[in-house]
N, C-alpha and C. Protein backbone atom coordinates (compact mmCIF):
# COMPACT_ATOMS: atom_id res chain seq x y z
N UNK A 1 0.85 -1.17 0.00
CA UNK A 1 0.00 0.00 0.00
C UNK A 1 0.90 1.24 0.00
N UNK A 2 0.58 2.17 -0.85
CA UNK A 2 1.34 3.41 -0.95
C UNK A 2 0.51 4.55 -0.40
N UNK A 3 1.08 5.33 0.48
CA UNK A 3 0.38 6.48 1.04
C UNK A 3 0.48 7.63 0.04
N UNK A 4 -0.66 8.18 -0.31
CA UNK A 4 -0.71 9.31 -1.23
C UNK A 4 -1.59 10.38 -0.60
N UNK A 5 -1.10 11.56 -0.55
CA UNK A 5 -1.89 12.66 -0.03
C UNK A 5 -2.61 13.30 -1.21
N UNK A 6 -3.87 12.92 -1.40
CA UNK A 6 -4.63 13.35 -2.57
C UNK A 6 -5.77 14.27 -2.13
N UNK A 7 -5.61 15.58 -2.30
CA UNK A 7 -6.66 16.49 -1.86
C UNK A 7 -7.97 16.34 -2.63
N UNK A 8 -7.95 15.66 -3.77
CA UNK A 8 -9.17 15.44 -4.54
C UNK A 8 -10.08 14.40 -3.92
N UNK A 9 -9.64 13.73 -2.88
CA UNK A 9 -10.41 12.65 -2.29
C UNK A 9 -11.15 13.06 -1.02
N UNK A 10 -11.32 14.34 -0.80
CA UNK A 10 -12.12 14.78 0.35
C UNK A 10 -13.59 14.63 -0.01
N UNK A 11 -14.48 14.57 0.97
CA UNK A 11 -15.90 14.42 0.65
C UNK A 11 -16.40 15.51 -0.32
N UNK A 12 -17.26 15.10 -1.22
CA UNK A 12 -17.74 15.96 -2.29
C UNK A 12 -18.96 16.77 -1.85
N UNK A 13 -18.75 17.68 -0.90
CA UNK A 13 -19.83 18.58 -0.51
C UNK A 13 -19.90 19.67 -1.58
N UNK A 14 -20.99 19.73 -2.32
CA UNK A 14 -21.09 20.73 -3.38
C UNK A 14 -21.63 22.05 -2.88
N UNK A 15 -22.03 22.10 -1.62
CA UNK A 15 -22.52 23.33 -1.01
C UNK A 15 -22.75 23.08 0.47
N UNK A 16 -23.01 24.13 1.25
CA UNK A 16 -23.14 23.96 2.69
C UNK A 16 -24.32 23.09 3.12
N UNK A 17 -25.33 22.96 2.26
CA UNK A 17 -26.49 22.15 2.60
C UNK A 17 -26.43 20.74 2.04
N UNK A 18 -25.36 20.40 1.33
CA UNK A 18 -25.22 19.07 0.77
C UNK A 18 -25.06 18.05 1.90
N UNK A 19 -25.84 16.99 1.85
CA UNK A 19 -25.75 15.92 2.84
C UNK A 19 -25.17 14.68 2.17
N UNK A 20 -24.18 14.09 2.83
CA UNK A 20 -23.60 12.84 2.37
C UNK A 20 -23.88 11.75 3.41
N UNK A 21 -24.15 10.52 2.97
CA UNK A 21 -24.34 9.44 3.93
C UNK A 21 -23.03 9.17 4.67
N UNK A 22 -23.17 8.91 5.96
CA UNK A 22 -22.01 8.62 6.81
C UNK A 22 -22.32 7.35 7.60
N UNK A 23 -21.57 6.32 7.32
CA UNK A 23 -21.74 5.02 7.98
C UNK A 23 -20.82 4.98 9.20
N UNK A 24 -21.38 4.60 10.35
CA UNK A 24 -20.56 4.39 11.54
C UNK A 24 -20.37 2.89 11.72
N UNK A 25 -19.11 2.49 11.84
CA UNK A 25 -18.74 1.10 11.98
C UNK A 25 -17.90 0.94 13.23
N UNK A 26 -18.15 -0.12 14.00
CA UNK A 26 -17.35 -0.39 15.19
C UNK A 26 -15.91 -0.68 14.76
N UNK A 27 -14.98 0.09 15.28
CA UNK A 27 -13.58 -0.04 14.87
C UNK A 27 -12.99 -1.39 15.27
N UNK A 28 -13.46 -1.97 16.35
CA UNK A 28 -12.91 -3.24 16.83
C UNK A 28 -13.52 -4.46 16.13
N UNK A 29 -14.83 -4.44 15.91
CA UNK A 29 -15.52 -5.63 15.39
C UNK A 29 -15.88 -5.55 13.91
N UNK A 30 -15.94 -4.34 13.36
CA UNK A 30 -16.37 -4.18 11.97
C UNK A 30 -17.87 -4.12 11.81
N UNK A 31 -18.63 -4.28 12.90
CA UNK A 31 -20.09 -4.25 12.82
C UNK A 31 -20.57 -2.86 12.42
N UNK A 32 -21.53 -2.81 11.48
CA UNK A 32 -22.13 -1.55 11.10
C UNK A 32 -23.07 -1.12 12.22
N UNK A 33 -22.87 0.09 12.72
CA UNK A 33 -23.65 0.58 13.85
C UNK A 33 -24.84 1.42 13.41
N UNK A 34 -24.63 2.29 12.44
CA UNK A 34 -25.71 3.19 12.04
C UNK A 34 -25.36 3.89 10.74
N UNK A 35 -26.36 4.53 10.16
CA UNK A 35 -26.18 5.39 9.01
C UNK A 35 -26.72 6.76 9.39
N UNK A 36 -25.90 7.77 9.24
CA UNK A 36 -26.32 9.14 9.47
C UNK A 36 -25.96 9.96 8.25
N UNK A 37 -26.07 11.27 8.37
CA UNK A 37 -25.73 12.16 7.27
C UNK A 37 -24.83 13.27 7.79
N UNK A 38 -23.93 13.71 6.94
CA UNK A 38 -23.03 14.81 7.29
C UNK A 38 -23.12 15.90 6.23
N UNK A 39 -23.13 17.14 6.70
CA UNK A 39 -22.90 18.26 5.80
C UNK A 39 -21.49 18.76 6.08
N UNK A 40 -21.08 19.82 5.41
CA UNK A 40 -19.72 20.33 5.57
C UNK A 40 -19.41 20.67 7.03
N UNK A 41 -20.36 21.30 7.72
CA UNK A 41 -20.14 21.70 9.11
C UNK A 41 -19.98 20.48 10.02
N UNK A 42 -20.78 19.43 9.81
CA UNK A 42 -20.66 18.21 10.61
C UNK A 42 -19.31 17.54 10.37
N UNK A 43 -18.88 17.52 9.12
CA UNK A 43 -17.57 16.97 8.75
C UNK A 43 -16.46 17.72 9.48
N UNK A 44 -16.51 19.04 9.42
CA UNK A 44 -15.47 19.86 10.04
C UNK A 44 -15.44 19.70 11.55
N UNK A 45 -16.62 19.63 12.19
CA UNK A 45 -16.66 19.44 13.64
C UNK A 45 -16.17 18.06 14.03
N UNK A 46 -16.47 17.06 13.22
CA UNK A 46 -15.97 15.71 13.49
C UNK A 46 -14.45 15.70 13.43
N UNK A 47 -13.89 16.32 12.41
CA UNK A 47 -12.43 16.39 12.29
C UNK A 47 -11.81 17.16 13.46
N UNK A 48 -12.45 18.25 13.86
CA UNK A 48 -11.90 19.11 14.91
C UNK A 48 -11.98 18.47 16.30
N UNK A 49 -13.05 17.69 16.55
CA UNK A 49 -13.27 17.17 17.90
C UNK A 49 -12.88 15.71 18.08
N UNK A 50 -12.84 14.95 17.00
CA UNK A 50 -12.56 13.52 17.12
C UNK A 50 -13.76 12.71 17.57
N UNK A 51 -14.91 13.34 17.67
CA UNK A 51 -16.15 12.63 17.97
C UNK A 51 -17.12 12.85 16.81
N UNK A 52 -17.98 11.87 16.58
CA UNK A 52 -18.88 11.92 15.43
C UNK A 52 -19.95 12.99 15.62
N UNK A 53 -20.06 13.84 14.60
CA UNK A 53 -21.11 14.86 14.54
C UNK A 53 -21.82 14.65 13.20
N UNK A 54 -23.14 14.62 13.27
CA UNK A 54 -23.95 14.41 12.08
C UNK A 54 -24.89 15.60 11.89
N UNK A 55 -25.58 15.60 10.75
CA UNK A 55 -26.65 16.56 10.55
C UNK A 55 -27.95 15.80 10.68
N UNK A 56 -28.79 16.23 11.63
CA UNK A 56 -30.07 15.58 11.85
C UNK A 56 -31.09 16.12 10.84
N UNK A 57 -31.58 15.25 9.99
CA UNK A 57 -32.57 15.68 9.00
C UNK A 57 -33.91 16.00 9.67
N UNK A 58 -34.25 15.29 10.73
CA UNK A 58 -35.53 15.54 11.40
C UNK A 58 -35.51 16.84 12.20
N UNK A 59 -34.36 17.16 12.81
CA UNK A 59 -34.25 18.37 13.62
C UNK A 59 -33.67 19.56 12.85
N UNK A 60 -33.14 19.27 11.66
CA UNK A 60 -32.54 20.30 10.81
C UNK A 60 -31.44 21.08 11.53
N UNK A 61 -30.55 20.33 12.17
CA UNK A 61 -29.43 20.95 12.87
C UNK A 61 -28.31 19.93 13.06
N UNK A 62 -27.13 20.44 13.42
CA UNK A 62 -26.03 19.54 13.74
C UNK A 62 -26.38 18.76 15.00
N UNK A 63 -25.89 17.54 15.05
CA UNK A 63 -26.20 16.64 16.15
C UNK A 63 -24.95 15.86 16.51
N UNK A 64 -24.42 16.10 17.70
CA UNK A 64 -23.29 15.32 18.18
C UNK A 64 -23.85 14.00 18.69
N UNK A 65 -23.41 12.92 18.10
CA UNK A 65 -23.91 11.60 18.49
C UNK A 65 -23.68 11.43 19.99
N UNK A 66 -24.75 11.11 20.71
CA UNK A 66 -24.67 10.89 22.15
C UNK A 66 -24.92 12.12 22.98
N UNK A 67 -25.32 13.22 22.35
CA UNK A 67 -25.53 14.46 23.12
C UNK A 67 -26.61 14.31 24.18
N UNK A 68 -27.59 13.46 23.95
CA UNK A 68 -28.64 13.21 24.94
C UNK A 68 -28.36 11.98 25.78
N UNK A 69 -27.87 10.93 25.15
CA UNK A 69 -27.70 9.64 25.83
C UNK A 69 -26.34 9.48 26.50
N UNK A 70 -25.35 10.23 26.05
CA UNK A 70 -23.99 10.03 26.54
C UNK A 70 -23.24 8.95 25.78
N UNK A 71 -23.89 8.31 24.82
CA UNK A 71 -23.29 7.23 24.04
C UNK A 71 -22.61 7.82 22.80
N UNK A 72 -21.51 8.50 23.02
CA UNK A 72 -20.80 9.19 21.93
C UNK A 72 -19.99 8.21 21.10
N UNK A 73 -19.60 8.67 19.92
CA UNK A 73 -18.75 7.87 19.05
C UNK A 73 -17.40 8.57 18.92
N UNK A 74 -16.35 7.92 19.41
CA UNK A 74 -15.00 8.44 19.29
C UNK A 74 -14.41 7.89 17.99
N UNK A 75 -14.07 8.80 17.09
CA UNK A 75 -13.63 8.42 15.76
C UNK A 75 -12.18 7.92 15.80
N UNK A 76 -11.99 6.74 15.24
CA UNK A 76 -10.66 6.14 15.16
C UNK A 76 -10.05 6.27 13.76
N UNK A 77 -10.90 6.22 12.74
CA UNK A 77 -10.44 6.34 11.35
C UNK A 77 -11.59 6.83 10.50
N UNK A 78 -11.25 7.51 9.42
CA UNK A 78 -12.26 8.02 8.48
C UNK A 78 -11.84 7.60 7.08
N UNK A 79 -12.81 7.05 6.36
CA UNK A 79 -12.61 6.67 4.96
C UNK A 79 -13.66 7.38 4.11
N UNK A 80 -13.32 7.62 2.86
CA UNK A 80 -14.26 8.17 1.88
C UNK A 80 -14.27 7.21 0.70
N UNK A 81 -15.46 6.95 0.16
CA UNK A 81 -15.55 5.99 -0.95
C UNK A 81 -14.93 6.56 -2.23
N UNK A 82 -14.90 5.73 -3.27
CA UNK A 82 -14.22 6.08 -4.52
C UNK A 82 -14.80 7.31 -5.21
N UNK A 83 -16.08 7.58 -5.02
CA UNK A 83 -16.71 8.76 -5.63
C UNK A 83 -16.71 9.96 -4.69
N UNK A 84 -16.16 9.79 -3.50
CA UNK A 84 -16.10 10.84 -2.47
C UNK A 84 -17.49 11.35 -2.10
N UNK A 85 -18.48 10.44 -2.16
CA UNK A 85 -19.84 10.86 -1.80
C UNK A 85 -20.45 10.02 -0.68
N UNK A 86 -19.64 9.20 -0.02
CA UNK A 86 -20.06 8.45 1.16
C UNK A 86 -18.89 8.39 2.13
N UNK A 87 -19.20 8.59 3.40
CA UNK A 87 -18.18 8.63 4.45
C UNK A 87 -18.34 7.40 5.33
N UNK A 88 -17.21 6.81 5.70
CA UNK A 88 -17.20 5.69 6.64
C UNK A 88 -16.38 6.11 7.85
N UNK A 89 -17.03 6.11 9.02
CA UNK A 89 -16.35 6.41 10.27
C UNK A 89 -16.14 5.11 11.03
N UNK A 90 -14.92 4.80 11.36
CA UNK A 90 -14.66 3.69 12.27
C UNK A 90 -14.56 4.31 13.65
N UNK A 91 -15.41 3.81 14.56
CA UNK A 91 -15.57 4.47 15.86
C UNK A 91 -15.47 3.49 17.02
N UNK A 92 -15.16 4.05 18.17
CA UNK A 92 -15.37 3.36 19.44
C UNK A 92 -16.69 3.90 19.97
N UNK A 93 -17.66 3.02 20.12
CA UNK A 93 -19.00 3.40 20.58
C UNK A 93 -19.01 3.39 22.11
N UNK A 94 -18.94 4.55 22.70
CA UNK A 94 -18.94 4.68 24.16
C UNK A 94 -20.32 4.30 24.69
N UNK A 95 -20.36 3.47 25.72
CA UNK A 95 -21.63 3.07 26.33
C UNK A 95 -22.27 1.87 25.68
N UNK A 96 -21.80 1.48 24.49
CA UNK A 96 -22.27 0.25 23.88
C UNK A 96 -23.52 0.32 23.05
N UNK A 97 -24.15 1.50 22.92
CA UNK A 97 -25.38 1.58 22.13
C UNK A 97 -25.30 2.72 21.12
N UNK A 98 -25.40 2.37 19.85
CA UNK A 98 -25.44 3.38 18.79
C UNK A 98 -26.87 3.79 18.46
N UNK A 99 -27.81 2.92 18.75
CA UNK A 99 -29.20 3.13 18.35
C UNK A 99 -29.99 3.88 19.43
N UNK A 100 -30.81 4.84 19.00
CA UNK A 100 -31.63 5.59 19.96
C UNK A 100 -32.73 4.73 20.59
N UNK A 101 -32.92 3.52 20.06
CA UNK A 101 -33.88 2.60 20.66
C UNK A 101 -33.22 1.71 21.70
N UNK A 102 -31.92 1.97 21.96
CA UNK A 102 -31.22 1.28 23.04
C UNK A 102 -30.40 0.08 22.63
N UNK A 103 -30.32 -0.22 21.35
CA UNK A 103 -29.58 -1.38 20.88
C UNK A 103 -28.15 -1.01 20.50
N UNK A 104 -27.25 -2.00 20.49
CA UNK A 104 -25.86 -1.72 20.12
C UNK A 104 -25.72 -1.18 18.70
N UNK A 105 -26.59 -1.61 17.79
CA UNK A 105 -26.58 -1.19 16.40
C UNK A 105 -28.00 -0.83 15.98
N UNK A 106 -28.12 0.08 15.04
CA UNK A 106 -29.44 0.41 14.50
C UNK A 106 -29.99 -0.75 13.66
N UNK A 107 -29.10 -1.64 13.26
CA UNK A 107 -29.48 -2.78 12.44
C UNK A 107 -29.67 -4.01 13.34
N UNK A 108 -30.64 -3.93 14.24
CA UNK A 108 -30.87 -5.00 15.22
C UNK A 108 -31.95 -5.97 14.78
N UNK A 109 -32.65 -5.67 13.69
CA UNK A 109 -33.70 -6.56 13.19
C UNK A 109 -33.20 -7.30 11.95
N UNK A 110 -33.39 -8.61 11.94
CA UNK A 110 -32.93 -9.43 10.82
C UNK A 110 -34.13 -10.09 10.15
N UNK A 111 -34.17 -10.02 8.83
CA UNK A 111 -35.24 -10.62 8.06
C UNK A 111 -34.99 -12.11 7.88
N UNK A 112 -36.04 -12.89 8.02
CA UNK A 112 -35.99 -14.31 7.66
C UNK A 112 -37.31 -14.66 7.00
N UNK A 113 -37.52 -15.89 6.67
CA UNK A 113 -38.71 -16.28 5.89
C UNK A 113 -40.03 -16.04 6.62
N UNK A 114 -40.00 -15.88 7.93
CA UNK A 114 -41.24 -15.64 8.68
C UNK A 114 -41.40 -14.19 9.13
N UNK A 115 -40.44 -13.35 8.80
CA UNK A 115 -40.51 -11.94 9.20
C UNK A 115 -39.22 -11.51 9.88
N UNK A 116 -39.30 -10.47 10.65
CA UNK A 116 -38.12 -9.94 11.33
C UNK A 116 -37.97 -10.53 12.73
N UNK A 117 -36.73 -10.74 13.13
CA UNK A 117 -36.42 -11.12 14.50
C UNK A 117 -35.43 -10.10 15.07
N UNK A 118 -35.52 -9.84 16.34
CA UNK A 118 -34.59 -8.94 17.02
C UNK A 118 -33.36 -9.77 17.38
N UNK A 119 -32.20 -9.31 16.92
CA UNK A 119 -30.97 -10.08 17.04
C UNK A 119 -30.07 -9.65 18.20
N UNK A 120 -30.40 -8.56 18.87
CA UNK A 120 -29.54 -8.04 19.93
C UNK A 120 -30.37 -7.72 21.17
N UNK A 121 -29.69 -7.63 22.30
CA UNK A 121 -30.33 -7.19 23.55
C UNK A 121 -30.16 -5.68 23.67
N UNK A 122 -31.14 -5.04 24.27
CA UNK A 122 -31.04 -3.60 24.54
C UNK A 122 -29.95 -3.33 25.57
N UNK A 123 -29.23 -2.25 25.35
CA UNK A 123 -28.20 -1.79 26.28
C UNK A 123 -28.81 -0.83 27.30
N UNK A 124 -29.82 -0.07 26.84
CA UNK A 124 -30.51 0.85 27.74
C UNK A 124 -31.97 0.98 27.34
N UNK A 125 -32.77 1.47 28.28
CA UNK A 125 -34.20 1.72 28.05
C UNK A 125 -34.35 3.14 27.54
N UNK A 126 -34.78 3.32 26.31
CA UNK A 126 -34.89 4.67 25.76
C UNK A 126 -35.87 5.58 26.52
N UNK A 127 -36.88 5.01 27.15
CA UNK A 127 -37.83 5.83 27.91
C UNK A 127 -37.15 6.44 29.13
N UNK A 128 -36.17 5.75 29.68
CA UNK A 128 -35.42 6.30 30.82
C UNK A 128 -34.39 7.32 30.37
N UNK A 129 -33.69 7.03 29.30
CA UNK A 129 -32.60 7.89 28.84
C UNK A 129 -33.12 9.19 28.24
N UNK A 130 -34.21 9.12 27.48
CA UNK A 130 -34.69 10.29 26.75
C UNK A 130 -35.91 10.95 27.37
N UNK A 131 -36.25 10.59 28.60
CA UNK A 131 -37.44 11.21 29.21
C UNK A 131 -37.18 12.68 29.43
N UNK A 132 -38.24 13.43 29.35
CA UNK A 132 -38.15 14.87 29.54
C UNK A 132 -38.02 15.18 31.03
N UNK A 133 -37.22 16.17 31.37
CA UNK A 133 -37.06 16.52 32.79
C UNK A 133 -38.39 16.97 33.38
N UNK A 134 -38.57 16.68 34.66
CA UNK A 134 -39.82 17.06 35.37
C UNK A 134 -39.92 18.55 35.54
């Protein structure tokens, strides 16, 4: 493998509102944890802080993964695909849950011939973690 510093291989954000898919993968196991989206600002904050920052499409704002739950993603490596339009973050998932429903991965349901089965145990109860303060 030859190391090449190629500035043409940075994510292809064509404007400040451009969203690119960002896959979070467990750095130790290779398990896919979640799919989020990044705009230029989320990319820059991720690089600056070393923790995953995404753009929340539902909230229309930047979202630091784990800001509510404490289950942050510490970035270990960043890859960009061949077209520079998809980002892969290899992360250490602090707290063990990437999914807001309390599972280690957002991909906790597996399809089989009779329907979906839940393949993982919950790490936390989302009703406890995300309840509104009294």
